[in-house]
Amino acid sequence: MTLTWTCQLLDELPMIYASCLFLFCVLPSDWTAGANAFATIAWLAAYAAFVTLVYTYSQVAAFHEMAYAIQVSHGCVVTDWGPYL
């Protein structure tokens, strides 16, 4: 590893936050409109906070990799199968 721990956090955590924003943008419109919008935003914010807290305390890079992989694969499923969900 070439980065210090704090610099690595500054590199990897924004990936989670930006992916949450991307997921909100690609979700079907019935999930992001009206009362469902608050629930979707709350869920994505809770996910980002959970990943941040666990990754900060555990300092295990594999956790971030798996959390990011889960998030990106969910985004791929939503963009491919979104009209059918």
N, C-alpha and C. Protein backbone atom coordinates (compact mmCIF):
# COMPACT_ATOMS: atom_id res chain seq x y z
N MET A 1 0.83 -1.18 0.00
CA MET A 1 0.00 0.00 0.00
C MET A 1 0.88 1.24 0.00
N THR A 2 0.55 2.21 -0.80
CA THR A 2 1.36 3.42 -0.87
C THR A 2 0.71 4.59 -0.14
N LEU A 3 -0.58 4.53 0.12
CA LEU A 3 -1.26 5.62 0.81
C LEU A 3 -1.29 5.38 2.31
N THR A 4 -1.28 6.46 3.07
CA THR A 4 -1.51 6.32 4.50
C THR A 4 -2.98 5.99 4.71
N TRP A 5 -3.32 5.56 5.91
CA TRP A 5 -4.69 5.11 6.17
C TRP A 5 -5.71 6.23 5.95
N THR A 6 -5.41 7.44 6.43
CA THR A 6 -6.37 8.54 6.26
C THR A 6 -6.53 8.92 4.80
N CYS A 7 -5.45 8.90 4.06
CA CYS A 7 -5.55 9.21 2.63
C CYS A 7 -6.31 8.12 1.88
N GLN A 8 -6.16 6.89 2.32
CA GLN A 8 -6.91 5.81 1.70
C GLN A 8 -8.40 5.95 1.98
N LEU A 9 -8.76 6.39 3.19
CA LEU A 9 -10.16 6.66 3.49
C LEU A 9 -10.70 7.76 2.59
N LEU A 10 -9.91 8.81 2.40
CA LEU A 10 -10.33 9.91 1.54
C LEU A 10 -10.43 9.48 0.08
N ASP A 11 -9.78 8.41 -0.28
CA ASP A 11 -9.85 7.90 -1.64
C ASP A 11 -11.04 6.97 -1.83
N GLU A 12 -11.29 6.10 -0.85
CA GLU A 12 -12.26 5.03 -1.04
C GLU A 12 -13.68 5.37 -0.58
N LEU A 13 -13.84 6.14 0.47
CA LEU A 13 -15.19 6.43 0.95
C LEU A 13 -16.01 7.28 -0.03
N PRO A 14 -15.42 8.26 -0.72
CA PRO A 14 -16.22 8.97 -1.72
C PRO A 14 -16.75 8.07 -2.84
N MET A 15 -16.09 6.95 -3.08
CA MET A 15 -16.61 5.99 -4.07
C MET A 15 -17.97 5.46 -3.61
N ILE A 16 -18.10 5.19 -2.31
CA ILE A 16 -19.37 4.71 -1.76
C ILE A 16 -20.43 5.79 -1.88
N TYR A 17 -20.07 7.03 -1.52
CA TYR A 17 -21.04 8.12 -1.55
C TYR A 17 -21.50 8.42 -2.97
N ALA A 18 -20.58 8.44 -3.91
CA ALA A 18 -20.95 8.72 -5.31
C ALA A 18 -21.80 7.59 -5.88
N SER A 19 -21.52 6.37 -5.49
CA SER A 19 -22.33 5.24 -5.97
C SER A 19 -23.74 5.29 -5.40
N CYS A 20 -23.89 5.77 -4.17
CA CYS A 20 -25.23 5.94 -3.61
C CYS A 20 -26.02 6.97 -4.43
N LEU A 21 -25.37 8.04 -4.80
CA LEU A 21 -26.02 9.05 -5.63
C LEU A 21 -26.39 8.47 -6.99
N PHE A 22 -25.48 7.70 -7.58
CA PHE A 22 -25.77 7.06 -8.87
C PHE A 22 -26.96 6.10 -8.75
N LEU A 23 -26.98 5.31 -7.67
CA LEU A 23 -28.09 4.37 -7.49
C LEU A 23 -29.42 5.11 -7.38
N PHE A 24 -29.43 6.22 -6.66
CA PHE A 24 -30.68 6.98 -6.54
C PHE A 24 -31.13 7.48 -7.91
N CYS A 25 -30.18 7.85 -8.76
CA CYS A 25 -30.53 8.37 -10.08
C CYS A 25 -31.04 7.29 -11.03
N VAL A 26 -30.58 6.05 -10.88
CA VAL A 26 -30.99 5.01 -11.82
C VAL A 26 -32.13 4.14 -11.31
N LEU A 27 -32.56 4.35 -10.08
CA LEU A 27 -33.68 3.56 -9.58
C LEU A 27 -34.96 3.92 -10.33
N PRO A 28 -35.88 2.98 -10.44
CA PRO A 28 -37.15 3.29 -11.11
C PRO A 28 -37.85 4.47 -10.43
N SER A 29 -38.60 5.23 -11.20
CA SER A 29 -39.18 6.48 -10.70
C SER A 29 -40.18 6.26 -9.57
N ASP A 30 -40.83 5.10 -9.52
CA ASP A 30 -41.77 4.89 -8.41
C ASP A 30 -41.05 4.68 -7.08
N TRP A 31 -39.76 4.39 -7.10
CA TRP A 31 -38.97 4.27 -5.87
C TRP A 31 -38.45 5.62 -5.41
N THR A 32 -38.38 6.60 -6.31
CA THR A 32 -37.77 7.89 -5.99
C THR A 32 -38.77 9.03 -6.05
N ALA A 33 -40.04 8.75 -5.99
CA ALA A 33 -41.05 9.80 -6.03
C ALA A 33 -41.94 9.72 -4.79
N GLY A 34 -42.38 10.86 -4.35
CA GLY A 34 -43.30 10.92 -3.23
C GLY A 34 -42.71 10.42 -1.93
N ALA A 35 -43.51 9.66 -1.19
CA ALA A 35 -43.09 9.15 0.12
C ALA A 35 -41.97 8.12 -0.02
N ASN A 36 -41.92 7.43 -1.14
CA ASN A 36 -40.86 6.44 -1.35
C ASN A 36 -39.48 7.08 -1.48
N ALA A 37 -39.44 8.33 -1.90
CA ALA A 37 -38.16 9.02 -2.06
C ALA A 37 -37.45 9.14 -0.72
N PHE A 38 -38.20 9.49 0.33
CA PHE A 38 -37.58 9.62 1.65
C PHE A 38 -37.03 8.28 2.12
N ALA A 39 -37.78 7.22 1.93
CA ALA A 39 -37.32 5.89 2.35
C ALA A 39 -36.07 5.47 1.57
N THR A 40 -36.06 5.76 0.28
CA THR A 40 -34.90 5.41 -0.54
C THR A 40 -33.67 6.20 -0.12
N ILE A 41 -33.84 7.49 0.10
CA ILE A 41 -32.72 8.33 0.54
C ILE A 41 -32.23 7.88 1.91
N ALA A 42 -33.16 7.56 2.81
CA ALA A 42 -32.78 7.11 4.15
C ALA A 42 -32.01 5.79 4.07
N TRP A 43 -32.46 4.88 3.23
CA TRP A 43 -31.78 3.59 3.09
C TRP A 43 -30.37 3.77 2.54
N LEU A 44 -30.22 4.58 1.50
CA LEU A 44 -28.89 4.81 0.92
C LEU A 44 -27.97 5.54 1.90
N ALA A 45 -28.50 6.50 2.63
CA ALA A 45 -27.69 7.21 3.63
C ALA A 45 -27.28 6.28 4.76
N ALA A 46 -28.19 5.40 5.19
CA ALA A 46 -27.86 4.44 6.24
C ALA A 46 -26.80 3.45 5.76
N TYR A 47 -26.90 3.03 4.52
CA TYR A 47 -25.90 2.12 3.96
C TYR A 47 -24.53 2.79 3.92
N ALA A 48 -24.48 4.03 3.45
CA ALA A 48 -23.21 4.75 3.39
C ALA A 48 -22.63 4.97 4.79
N ALA A 49 -23.49 5.30 5.76
CA ALA A 49 -23.02 5.50 7.13
C ALA A 49 -22.52 4.19 7.73
N PHE A 50 -23.23 3.10 7.47
CA PHE A 50 -22.82 1.79 7.98
C PHE A 50 -21.45 1.40 7.42
N VAL A 51 -21.28 1.54 6.12
CA VAL A 51 -20.00 1.19 5.50
C VAL A 51 -18.89 2.08 6.04
N THR A 52 -19.18 3.36 6.21
CA THR A 52 -18.17 4.28 6.73
C THR A 52 -17.75 3.90 8.14
N LEU A 53 -18.73 3.63 9.01
CA LEU A 53 -18.41 3.29 10.40
C LEU A 53 -17.64 1.97 10.51
N VAL A 54 -18.14 0.95 9.83
CA VAL A 54 -17.49 -0.36 9.93
C VAL A 54 -16.10 -0.32 9.32
N TYR A 55 -15.96 0.33 8.18
CA TYR A 55 -14.65 0.39 7.52
C TYR A 55 -13.66 1.23 8.33
N THR A 56 -14.14 2.29 8.95
CA THR A 56 -13.26 3.13 9.77
C THR A 56 -12.76 2.38 10.99
N TYR A 57 -13.65 1.63 11.64
CA TYR A 57 -13.26 0.91 12.85
C TYR A 57 -12.51 -0.39 12.58
N SER A 58 -12.89 -1.09 11.53
CA SER A 58 -12.25 -2.38 11.27
C SER A 58 -10.91 -2.24 10.55
N GLN A 59 -10.80 -1.25 9.70
CA GLN A 59 -9.61 -1.00 8.90
C GLN A 59 -9.21 -2.21 8.05
N VAL A 60 -10.21 -2.91 7.56
CA VAL A 60 -10.00 -4.07 6.69
C VAL A 60 -10.42 -3.66 5.27
N ALA A 61 -9.47 -3.64 4.37
CA ALA A 61 -9.74 -3.19 3.01
C ALA A 61 -10.72 -4.12 2.29
N ALA A 62 -10.72 -5.39 2.65
CA ALA A 62 -11.63 -6.34 2.00
C ALA A 62 -13.09 -5.98 2.27
N PHE A 63 -13.36 -5.39 3.43
CA PHE A 63 -14.75 -4.98 3.72
C PHE A 63 -15.21 -3.92 2.73
N HIS A 64 -14.37 -2.92 2.48
CA HIS A 64 -14.75 -1.88 1.53
C HIS A 64 -14.92 -2.47 0.14
N GLU A 65 -14.03 -3.37 -0.24
CA GLU A 65 -14.12 -3.97 -1.57
C GLU A 65 -15.43 -4.73 -1.74
N MET A 66 -15.82 -5.48 -0.73
CA MET A 66 -17.08 -6.24 -0.82
C MET A 66 -18.29 -5.31 -0.78
N ALA A 67 -18.25 -4.29 0.07
CA ALA A 67 -19.36 -3.35 0.15
C ALA A 67 -19.53 -2.61 -1.18
N TYR A 68 -18.44 -2.22 -1.77
CA TYR A 68 -18.51 -1.52 -3.05
C TYR A 68 -18.97 -2.47 -4.16
N ALA A 69 -18.50 -3.71 -4.13
CA ALA A 69 -18.93 -4.69 -5.14
C ALA A 69 -20.43 -4.96 -5.04
N ILE A 70 -20.93 -5.07 -3.84
CA ILE A 70 -22.38 -5.28 -3.66
C ILE A 70 -23.16 -4.10 -4.20
N GLN A 71 -22.67 -2.90 -3.91
CA GLN A 71 -23.37 -1.71 -4.35
C GLN A 71 -23.35 -1.57 -5.87
N VAL A 72 -22.22 -1.81 -6.48
CA VAL A 72 -22.12 -1.70 -7.93
C VAL A 72 -22.92 -2.79 -8.63
N SER A 73 -22.89 -4.01 -8.09
CA SER A 73 -23.68 -5.08 -8.71
C SER A 73 -25.16 -4.78 -8.59
N HIS A 74 -25.58 -4.18 -7.49
CA HIS A 74 -26.99 -3.77 -7.37
C HIS A 74 -27.33 -2.72 -8.42
N GLY A 75 -26.41 -1.79 -8.65
CA GLY A 75 -26.64 -0.79 -9.69
C GLY A 75 -26.74 -1.40 -11.06
N CYS A 76 -25.94 -2.42 -11.33
CA CYS A 76 -26.01 -3.10 -12.63
C CYS A 76 -27.34 -3.83 -12.80
N VAL A 77 -27.80 -4.47 -11.74
CA VAL A 77 -29.08 -5.18 -11.80
C VAL A 77 -30.22 -4.19 -12.01
N VAL A 78 -30.17 -3.07 -11.29
CA VAL A 78 -31.24 -2.08 -11.42
C VAL A 78 -31.27 -1.49 -12.82
N THR A 79 -30.11 -1.18 -13.40
CA THR A 79 -30.12 -0.58 -14.73
C THR A 79 -30.53 -1.59 -15.79
N ASP A 80 -30.20 -2.86 -15.60
CA ASP A 80 -30.58 -3.89 -16.57
C ASP A 80 -32.03 -4.33 -16.41
N TRP A 81 -32.46 -4.53 -15.17
CA TRP A 81 -33.77 -5.08 -14.90
C TRP A 81 -34.74 -4.05 -14.34
N GLY A 82 -34.34 -2.79 -14.29
CA GLY A 82 -35.18 -1.73 -13.70
C GLY A 82 -36.61 -1.69 -14.21
N PRO A 83 -36.83 -1.77 -15.51
CA PRO A 83 -38.22 -1.72 -15.99
C PRO A 83 -39.06 -2.91 -15.53
N TYR A 84 -38.43 -3.99 -15.15
CA TYR A 84 -39.16 -5.20 -14.78
C TYR A 84 -39.36 -5.32 -13.27
N LEU A 85 -38.72 -4.43 -12.48
CA LEU A 85 -38.83 -4.54 -11.01
C LEU A 85 -40.14 -3.98 -10.52
